Amino acid sequence: MTRERFERLVGEAVTLIPKRFRREIKNLALVVEAEPSPELLEEMEIEPPDTLYGLYQGTPLTERTWGYGNTLPDRIVIFQRPIEEDCEDEDEIRAVIGETLIHEVGHYFGLSEEEIEEIEERYWRGDTLGPDEDEDR
C-alpha cells in the first residue's frame, strides 16, 4: 500500500473519534512513519516478534499543570509497516489503524490502560455511540 493511501486511511480513522473528543484535541500532530526504530523498541522493552503499531509522545491532559504551554505539539505516530505486515487486507488495516488511533488518543486524554481496553472492546464489537454521546454541545 502506498504511503498516501495509508495516510488517507489514518485520516478516515480520525472521524471515528467522537466530536466531543475531537473538539478537545489541541496541539497534537498525527504522523505516519514506516516503522519503529530498533532503539525505540528496545527502550519500550518490546522484543520480536512483537512490535508497535502506534505511539503517543507528550504530556497527557490529566498531567498538565497551570504553567503548561508554549510547547511543541504532542505527537501520535502510526507505524505503517507493522500494521501492513500483520493484516491480511485493507479492511483489516483500516480496523487496526482505528483501534491504534483510539488507543493513542486515549493516552493523550490521560485514560488508564483499563479504560482504553474497554473502549477498544466496544470498537471491536462494533458498538456505536448513542445519539447523545456525540452531539455538538
N, C-alpha and C. Protein backbone atom coordinates (compact mmCIF):
# COMPACT_ATOMS: atom_id res chain seq x y z
N MET A 1 0.86 -1.17 0.00
CA MET A 1 0.00 0.00 0.00
C MET A 1 0.90 1.23 0.00
N THR A 2 0.51 2.23 -0.75
CA THR A 2 1.32 3.45 -0.79
C THR A 2 1.17 4.22 0.52
N ARG A 3 2.15 5.07 0.81
CA ARG A 3 2.07 5.92 2.00
C ARG A 3 0.85 6.82 1.90
N GLU A 4 0.59 7.34 0.71
CA GLU A 4 -0.55 8.24 0.52
C GLU A 4 -1.87 7.54 0.87
N ARG A 5 -2.05 6.31 0.41
CA ARG A 5 -3.28 5.56 0.72
C ARG A 5 -3.38 5.27 2.21
N PHE A 6 -2.26 4.87 2.81
CA PHE A 6 -2.24 4.59 4.24
C PHE A 6 -2.61 5.84 5.03
N GLU A 7 -2.04 6.98 4.65
CA GLU A 7 -2.36 8.24 5.34
C GLU A 7 -3.83 8.61 5.19
N ARG A 8 -4.42 8.28 4.03
CA ARG A 8 -5.86 8.52 3.86
C ARG A 8 -6.67 7.68 4.84
N LEU A 9 -6.25 6.43 5.03
CA LEU A 9 -6.95 5.56 6.00
C LEU A 9 -6.81 6.10 7.42
N VAL A 10 -5.64 6.65 7.73
CA VAL A 10 -5.45 7.26 9.05
C VAL A 10 -6.39 8.47 9.18
N GLY A 11 -6.47 9.27 8.15
CA GLY A 11 -7.38 10.42 8.17
C GLY A 11 -8.83 10.00 8.36
N GLU A 12 -9.22 8.91 7.70
CA GLU A 12 -10.59 8.39 7.88
C GLU A 12 -10.81 7.95 9.32
N ALA A 13 -9.79 7.35 9.92
CA ALA A 13 -9.92 6.86 11.29
C ALA A 13 -10.15 8.00 12.27
N VAL A 14 -9.63 9.16 11.97
CA VAL A 14 -9.83 10.32 12.85
C VAL A 14 -11.32 10.61 13.01
N THR A 15 -12.08 10.38 11.96
CA THR A 15 -13.52 10.65 12.03
C THR A 15 -14.25 9.70 12.96
N LEU A 16 -13.59 8.59 13.37
CA LEU A 16 -14.20 7.66 14.32
C LEU A 16 -14.18 8.21 15.74
N ILE A 17 -13.32 9.19 15.97
CA ILE A 17 -13.24 9.80 17.29
C ILE A 17 -14.46 10.70 17.47
N PRO A 18 -15.24 10.48 18.50
CA PRO A 18 -16.44 11.31 18.69
C PRO A 18 -16.11 12.81 18.68
N LYS A 19 -17.04 13.59 18.13
CA LYS A 19 -16.84 15.04 18.01
C LYS A 19 -16.50 15.69 19.33
N ARG A 20 -17.15 15.25 20.39
CA ARG A 20 -16.91 15.89 21.69
C ARG A 20 -15.46 15.72 22.13
N PHE A 21 -14.79 14.66 21.68
CA PHE A 21 -13.37 14.48 21.99
C PHE A 21 -12.50 15.21 20.97
N ARG A 22 -12.88 15.12 19.69
CA ARG A 22 -12.09 15.82 18.65
C ARG A 22 -12.00 17.31 18.94
N ARG A 23 -13.08 17.89 19.45
CA ARG A 23 -13.07 19.33 19.76
C ARG A 23 -12.06 19.67 20.84
N GLU A 24 -11.77 18.73 21.71
CA GLU A 24 -10.86 18.99 22.84
C GLU A 24 -9.40 18.72 22.50
N ILE A 25 -9.13 18.16 21.35
CA ILE A 25 -7.75 17.86 20.96
C ILE A 25 -7.11 19.15 20.45
N LYS A 26 -6.04 19.53 21.13
CA LYS A 26 -5.32 20.76 20.78
C LYS A 26 -3.82 20.45 20.70
N ASN A 27 -3.14 21.07 19.74
CA ASN A 27 -1.69 20.99 19.65
C ASN A 27 -1.20 19.54 19.62
N LEU A 28 -1.80 18.75 18.73
CA LEU A 28 -1.46 17.33 18.58
C LEU A 28 -1.18 17.03 17.12
N ALA A 29 0.00 16.52 16.83
CA ALA A 29 0.38 16.14 15.47
C ALA A 29 0.15 14.65 15.28
N LEU A 30 -0.44 14.28 14.17
CA LEU A 30 -0.65 12.89 13.80
C LEU A 30 0.29 12.58 12.65
N VAL A 31 1.23 11.64 12.88
CA VAL A 31 2.31 11.38 11.94
C VAL A 31 2.31 9.90 11.58
N VAL A 32 2.59 9.60 10.31
CA VAL A 32 2.78 8.23 9.87
C VAL A 32 4.27 8.04 9.61
N GLU A 33 4.82 6.98 10.19
CA GLU A 33 6.21 6.60 9.94
C GLU A 33 6.23 5.16 9.47
N ALA A 34 7.31 4.78 8.80
CA ALA A 34 7.41 3.43 8.25
C ALA A 34 7.36 2.37 9.34
N GLU A 35 8.22 2.50 10.34
CA GLU A 35 8.27 1.50 11.40
C GLU A 35 9.01 2.08 12.60
N PRO A 36 8.79 1.49 13.77
CA PRO A 36 9.52 1.97 14.95
C PRO A 36 11.00 1.59 14.84
N SER A 37 11.83 2.46 15.35
CA SER A 37 13.27 2.18 15.30
C SER A 37 13.63 1.08 16.29
N PRO A 38 14.73 0.36 16.02
CA PRO A 38 15.18 -0.66 16.98
C PRO A 38 15.43 -0.06 18.37
N GLU A 39 15.91 1.18 18.41
CA GLU A 39 16.16 1.85 19.69
C GLU A 39 14.86 2.08 20.46
N LEU A 40 13.82 2.48 19.75
CA LEU A 40 12.53 2.70 20.40
C LEU A 40 11.98 1.39 20.94
N LEU A 41 12.05 0.34 20.14
CA LEU A 41 11.55 -0.96 20.60
C LEU A 41 12.33 -1.43 21.82
N GLU A 42 13.64 -1.21 21.81
CA GLU A 42 14.46 -1.60 22.96
C GLU A 42 14.08 -0.78 24.19
N GLU A 43 13.93 0.53 24.00
CA GLU A 43 13.56 1.42 25.11
C GLU A 43 12.23 1.00 25.74
N MET A 44 11.31 0.54 24.89
CA MET A 44 9.99 0.14 25.38
C MET A 44 9.94 -1.34 25.77
N GLU A 45 11.08 -1.99 25.68
CA GLU A 45 11.22 -3.40 26.05
C GLU A 45 10.27 -4.29 25.24
N ILE A 46 10.21 -4.00 23.94
CA ILE A 46 9.40 -4.79 23.01
C ILE A 46 10.38 -5.63 22.19
N GLU A 47 10.22 -6.94 22.31
CA GLU A 47 11.13 -7.85 21.61
C GLU A 47 10.38 -8.59 20.51
N PRO A 48 11.07 -8.82 19.37
CA PRO A 48 10.44 -9.59 18.28
C PRO A 48 9.96 -10.94 18.79
N PRO A 49 8.85 -11.39 18.31
CA PRO A 49 8.12 -10.92 17.13
C PRO A 49 7.14 -9.79 17.43
N ASP A 50 7.05 -9.34 18.68
CA ASP A 50 6.15 -8.23 18.99
C ASP A 50 6.66 -6.95 18.34
N THR A 51 5.77 -6.03 18.15
CA THR A 51 6.14 -4.75 17.55
C THR A 51 5.21 -3.67 18.08
N LEU A 52 5.24 -2.54 17.44
CA LEU A 52 4.48 -1.37 17.88
C LEU A 52 3.70 -0.83 16.69
N TYR A 53 2.40 -0.61 16.86
CA TYR A 53 1.57 -0.03 15.81
C TYR A 53 1.49 1.48 15.93
N GLY A 54 1.55 1.98 17.14
CA GLY A 54 1.41 3.42 17.35
C GLY A 54 2.05 3.83 18.65
N LEU A 55 2.25 5.14 18.78
CA LEU A 55 2.90 5.67 19.97
C LEU A 55 2.42 7.08 20.23
N TYR A 56 2.04 7.35 21.47
CA TYR A 56 1.73 8.72 21.90
C TYR A 56 2.96 9.29 22.58
N GLN A 57 3.37 10.48 22.17
CA GLN A 57 4.51 11.16 22.77
C GLN A 57 4.05 12.54 23.21
N GLY A 58 4.09 12.77 24.50
CA GLY A 58 3.68 14.06 25.01
C GLY A 58 3.28 13.98 26.47
N THR A 59 2.58 15.01 26.89
CA THR A 59 2.10 15.08 28.27
C THR A 59 0.59 14.95 28.24
N PRO A 60 0.04 13.88 28.82
CA PRO A 60 -1.42 13.71 28.83
C PRO A 60 -2.12 14.91 29.47
N LEU A 61 -3.31 15.18 29.01
CA LEU A 61 -4.07 16.33 29.52
C LEU A 61 -4.20 16.29 31.04
N THR A 62 -4.37 15.11 31.60
CA THR A 62 -4.57 14.99 33.04
C THR A 62 -3.31 15.28 33.84
N GLU A 63 -2.16 15.37 33.19
CA GLU A 63 -0.90 15.63 33.89
C GLU A 63 -0.38 17.05 33.67
N ARG A 64 -1.11 17.84 32.94
CA ARG A 64 -0.66 19.20 32.65
C ARG A 64 -1.01 20.13 33.80
N THR A 65 -0.05 20.96 34.16
CA THR A 65 -0.27 21.92 35.24
C THR A 65 -0.64 23.27 34.65
N TRP A 66 -0.93 24.22 35.53
CA TRP A 66 -1.34 25.55 35.08
C TRP A 66 -0.26 26.22 34.24
N GLY A 67 1.00 25.89 34.44
CA GLY A 67 2.09 26.51 33.70
C GLY A 67 2.42 25.84 32.38
N TYR A 68 1.65 24.82 32.01
CA TYR A 68 1.92 24.11 30.76
C TYR A 68 1.56 25.01 29.59
N GLY A 69 2.45 25.13 28.64
CA GLY A 69 2.16 25.92 27.45
C GLY A 69 3.43 26.22 26.69
N ASN A 70 3.29 26.86 25.55
CA ASN A 70 4.42 27.19 24.69
C ASN A 70 5.32 25.98 24.46
N THR A 71 4.69 24.87 24.10
CA THR A 71 5.43 23.65 23.86
C THR A 71 5.17 23.16 22.43
N LEU A 72 6.06 22.32 21.97
CA LEU A 72 5.83 21.68 20.68
C LEU A 72 4.61 20.78 20.80
N PRO A 73 3.96 20.49 19.69
CA PRO A 73 2.78 19.62 19.76
C PRO A 73 3.12 18.24 20.30
N ASP A 74 2.17 17.66 21.03
CA ASP A 74 2.25 16.24 21.33
C ASP A 74 2.16 15.53 19.98
N ARG A 75 2.58 14.26 19.96
CA ARG A 75 2.56 13.51 18.70
C ARG A 75 1.94 12.14 18.91
N ILE A 76 1.18 11.74 17.91
CA ILE A 76 0.77 10.35 17.79
C ILE A 76 1.39 9.85 16.50
N VAL A 77 2.20 8.80 16.63
CA VAL A 77 2.84 8.20 15.46
C VAL A 77 2.14 6.88 15.18
N ILE A 78 1.75 6.68 13.92
CA ILE A 78 1.19 5.41 13.46
C ILE A 78 2.24 4.77 12.56
N PHE A 79 2.59 3.53 12.86
CA PHE A 79 3.65 2.84 12.12
C PHE A 79 3.04 1.95 11.03
N GLN A 80 3.31 2.29 9.78
CA GLN A 80 2.69 1.63 8.64
C GLN A 80 3.12 0.18 8.45
N ARG A 81 4.40 -0.08 8.40
CA ARG A 81 4.88 -1.42 8.05
C ARG A 81 4.38 -2.51 9.01
N PRO A 82 4.49 -2.32 10.33
CA PRO A 82 3.99 -3.39 11.21
C PRO A 82 2.49 -3.66 11.04
N ILE A 83 1.73 -2.62 10.81
CA ILE A 83 0.29 -2.81 10.61
C ILE A 83 0.04 -3.60 9.33
N GLU A 84 0.70 -3.20 8.25
CA GLU A 84 0.52 -3.91 6.99
C GLU A 84 0.96 -5.36 7.08
N GLU A 85 2.06 -5.60 7.76
CA GLU A 85 2.58 -6.96 7.87
C GLU A 85 1.65 -7.87 8.66
N ASP A 86 0.92 -7.32 9.62
CA ASP A 86 0.05 -8.13 10.47
C ASP A 86 -1.39 -8.21 9.97
N CYS A 87 -1.70 -7.53 8.88
CA CYS A 87 -3.07 -7.51 8.36
C CYS A 87 -3.13 -8.21 7.01
N GLU A 88 -4.29 -8.82 6.75
CA GLU A 88 -4.46 -9.57 5.51
C GLU A 88 -5.00 -8.73 4.36
N ASP A 89 -5.75 -7.68 4.67
CA ASP A 89 -6.33 -6.88 3.59
C ASP A 89 -6.57 -5.45 4.08
N GLU A 90 -7.04 -4.62 3.18
CA GLU A 90 -7.24 -3.21 3.51
C GLU A 90 -8.28 -3.00 4.60
N ASP A 91 -9.32 -3.83 4.63
CA ASP A 91 -10.33 -3.69 5.69
C ASP A 91 -9.71 -3.94 7.06
N GLU A 92 -8.85 -4.93 7.15
CA GLU A 92 -8.20 -5.21 8.43
C GLU A 92 -7.22 -4.09 8.79
N ILE A 93 -6.52 -3.56 7.77
CA ILE A 93 -5.61 -2.43 8.02
C ILE A 93 -6.41 -1.26 8.57
N ARG A 94 -7.55 -0.97 7.97
CA ARG A 94 -8.42 0.13 8.41
C ARG A 94 -8.84 -0.08 9.87
N ALA A 95 -9.22 -1.30 10.21
CA ALA A 95 -9.66 -1.59 11.57
C ALA A 95 -8.53 -1.43 12.58
N VAL A 96 -7.33 -1.90 12.24
CA VAL A 96 -6.19 -1.81 13.16
C VAL A 96 -5.76 -0.35 13.32
N ILE A 97 -5.78 0.41 12.24
CA ILE A 97 -5.47 1.84 12.35
C ILE A 97 -6.46 2.50 13.30
N GLY A 98 -7.76 2.19 13.14
CA GLY A 98 -8.78 2.77 14.01
C GLY A 98 -8.54 2.45 15.47
N GLU A 99 -8.27 1.18 15.76
CA GLU A 99 -8.03 0.79 17.14
C GLU A 99 -6.77 1.45 17.69
N THR A 100 -5.73 1.50 16.87
CA THR A 100 -4.47 2.11 17.31
C THR A 100 -4.66 3.59 17.61
N LEU A 101 -5.37 4.27 16.74
CA LEU A 101 -5.62 5.70 16.95
C LEU A 101 -6.44 5.92 18.22
N ILE A 102 -7.47 5.12 18.41
CA ILE A 102 -8.28 5.23 19.62
C ILE A 102 -7.41 5.04 20.86
N HIS A 103 -6.52 4.05 20.81
CA HIS A 103 -5.64 3.76 21.94
C HIS A 103 -4.73 4.95 22.24
N GLU A 104 -4.10 5.50 21.22
CA GLU A 104 -3.15 6.59 21.44
C GLU A 104 -3.85 7.88 21.85
N VAL A 105 -5.02 8.15 21.29
CA VAL A 105 -5.78 9.33 21.72
C VAL A 105 -6.22 9.16 23.17
N GLY A 106 -6.49 7.93 23.57
CA GLY A 106 -6.80 7.66 24.98
C GLY A 106 -5.66 8.08 25.89
N HIS A 107 -4.42 7.79 25.46
CA HIS A 107 -3.26 8.23 26.25
C HIS A 107 -3.19 9.76 26.30
N TYR A 108 -3.48 10.43 25.19
CA TYR A 108 -3.49 11.90 25.15
C TYR A 108 -4.44 12.45 26.21
N PHE A 109 -5.62 11.81 26.34
CA PHE A 109 -6.61 12.26 27.31
C PHE A 109 -6.33 11.77 28.73
N GLY A 110 -5.27 10.97 28.89
CA GLY A 110 -4.89 10.52 30.22
C GLY A 110 -5.68 9.33 30.72
N LEU A 111 -6.31 8.59 29.84
CA LEU A 111 -7.06 7.41 30.26
C LEU A 111 -6.11 6.29 30.68
N SER A 112 -6.57 5.47 31.60
CA SER A 112 -5.78 4.32 32.04
C SER A 112 -5.83 3.23 30.97
N GLU A 113 -4.91 2.29 31.05
CA GLU A 113 -4.91 1.16 30.12
C GLU A 113 -6.24 0.41 30.19
N GLU A 114 -6.80 0.28 31.39
CA GLU A 114 -8.07 -0.43 31.55
C GLU A 114 -9.20 0.31 30.84
N GLU A 115 -9.23 1.63 30.99
CA GLU A 115 -10.26 2.42 30.31
C GLU A 115 -10.11 2.33 28.80
N ILE A 116 -8.88 2.38 28.33
CA ILE A 116 -8.62 2.28 26.89
C ILE A 116 -9.04 0.91 26.37
N GLU A 117 -8.71 -0.15 27.10
CA GLU A 117 -9.08 -1.50 26.69
C GLU A 117 -10.60 -1.66 26.60
N GLU A 118 -11.33 -1.04 27.51
CA GLU A 118 -12.79 -1.10 27.47
C GLU A 118 -13.31 -0.42 26.20
N ILE A 119 -12.74 0.71 25.85
CA ILE A 119 -13.14 1.42 24.64
C ILE A 119 -12.80 0.58 23.40
N GLU A 120 -11.62 -0.03 23.41
CA GLU A 120 -11.21 -0.88 22.28
C GLU A 120 -12.14 -2.07 22.12
N GLU A 121 -12.58 -2.65 23.23
CA GLU A 121 -13.52 -3.77 23.15
C GLU A 121 -14.83 -3.33 22.49
N ARG A 122 -15.29 -2.14 22.84
CA ARG A 122 -16.50 -1.61 22.20
C ARG A 122 -16.27 -1.42 20.70
N TYR A 123 -15.08 -0.92 20.35
CA TYR A 123 -14.74 -0.70 18.95
C TYR A 123 -14.79 -2.02 18.18
N TRP A 124 -14.17 -3.07 18.71
CA TRP A 124 -14.13 -4.35 18.01
C TRP A 124 -15.49 -5.03 17.96
N ARG A 125 -16.34 -4.78 18.95
CA ARG A 125 -17.69 -5.33 18.92
C ARG A 125 -18.57 -4.58 17.93
N GLY A 126 -18.09 -3.42 17.48
CA GLY A 126 -18.88 -2.62 16.56
C GLY A 126 -19.90 -1.76 17.27
N ASP A 127 -19.75 -1.63 18.60
CA ASP A 127 -20.67 -0.77 19.33
C ASP A 127 -20.49 0.66 18.86
N THR A 128 -21.58 1.34 18.70
CA THR A 128 -21.52 2.73 18.32
C THR A 128 -21.95 3.59 19.48
N LEU A 129 -21.64 4.84 19.38
CA LEU A 129 -22.07 5.79 20.40
C LEU A 129 -23.56 6.04 20.28
N GLY A 130 -24.17 6.24 21.41
CA GLY A 130 -25.57 6.63 21.39
C GLY A 130 -25.70 8.04 20.85
N PRO A 131 -26.89 8.45 20.42
CA PRO A 131 -27.05 9.77 19.83
C PRO A 131 -26.64 10.91 20.74
N ASP A 132 -26.78 10.73 22.05
CA ASP A 132 -26.44 11.82 22.96
C ASP A 132 -24.95 11.83 23.29
N GLU A 133 -24.19 10.82 22.88
CA GLU A 133 -22.75 10.76 23.21
C GLU A 133 -21.90 11.55 22.20
N ASP A 134 -22.46 11.90 21.05
CA ASP A 134 -21.64 12.58 20.06
C ASP A 134 -22.30 13.85 19.53
N GLU A 135 -23.14 14.43 20.34
CA GLU A 135 -23.79 15.68 19.93
C GLU A 135 -22.87 16.86 20.11
N ASP A 136 -23.11 17.87 19.34
CA ASP A 136 -22.37 19.13 19.49
C ASP A 136 -22.97 19.90 20.65
N ARG A 137 -22.26 19.92 21.76
CA ARG A 137 -22.75 20.65 22.94
C ARG A 137 -21.76 21.69 23.31
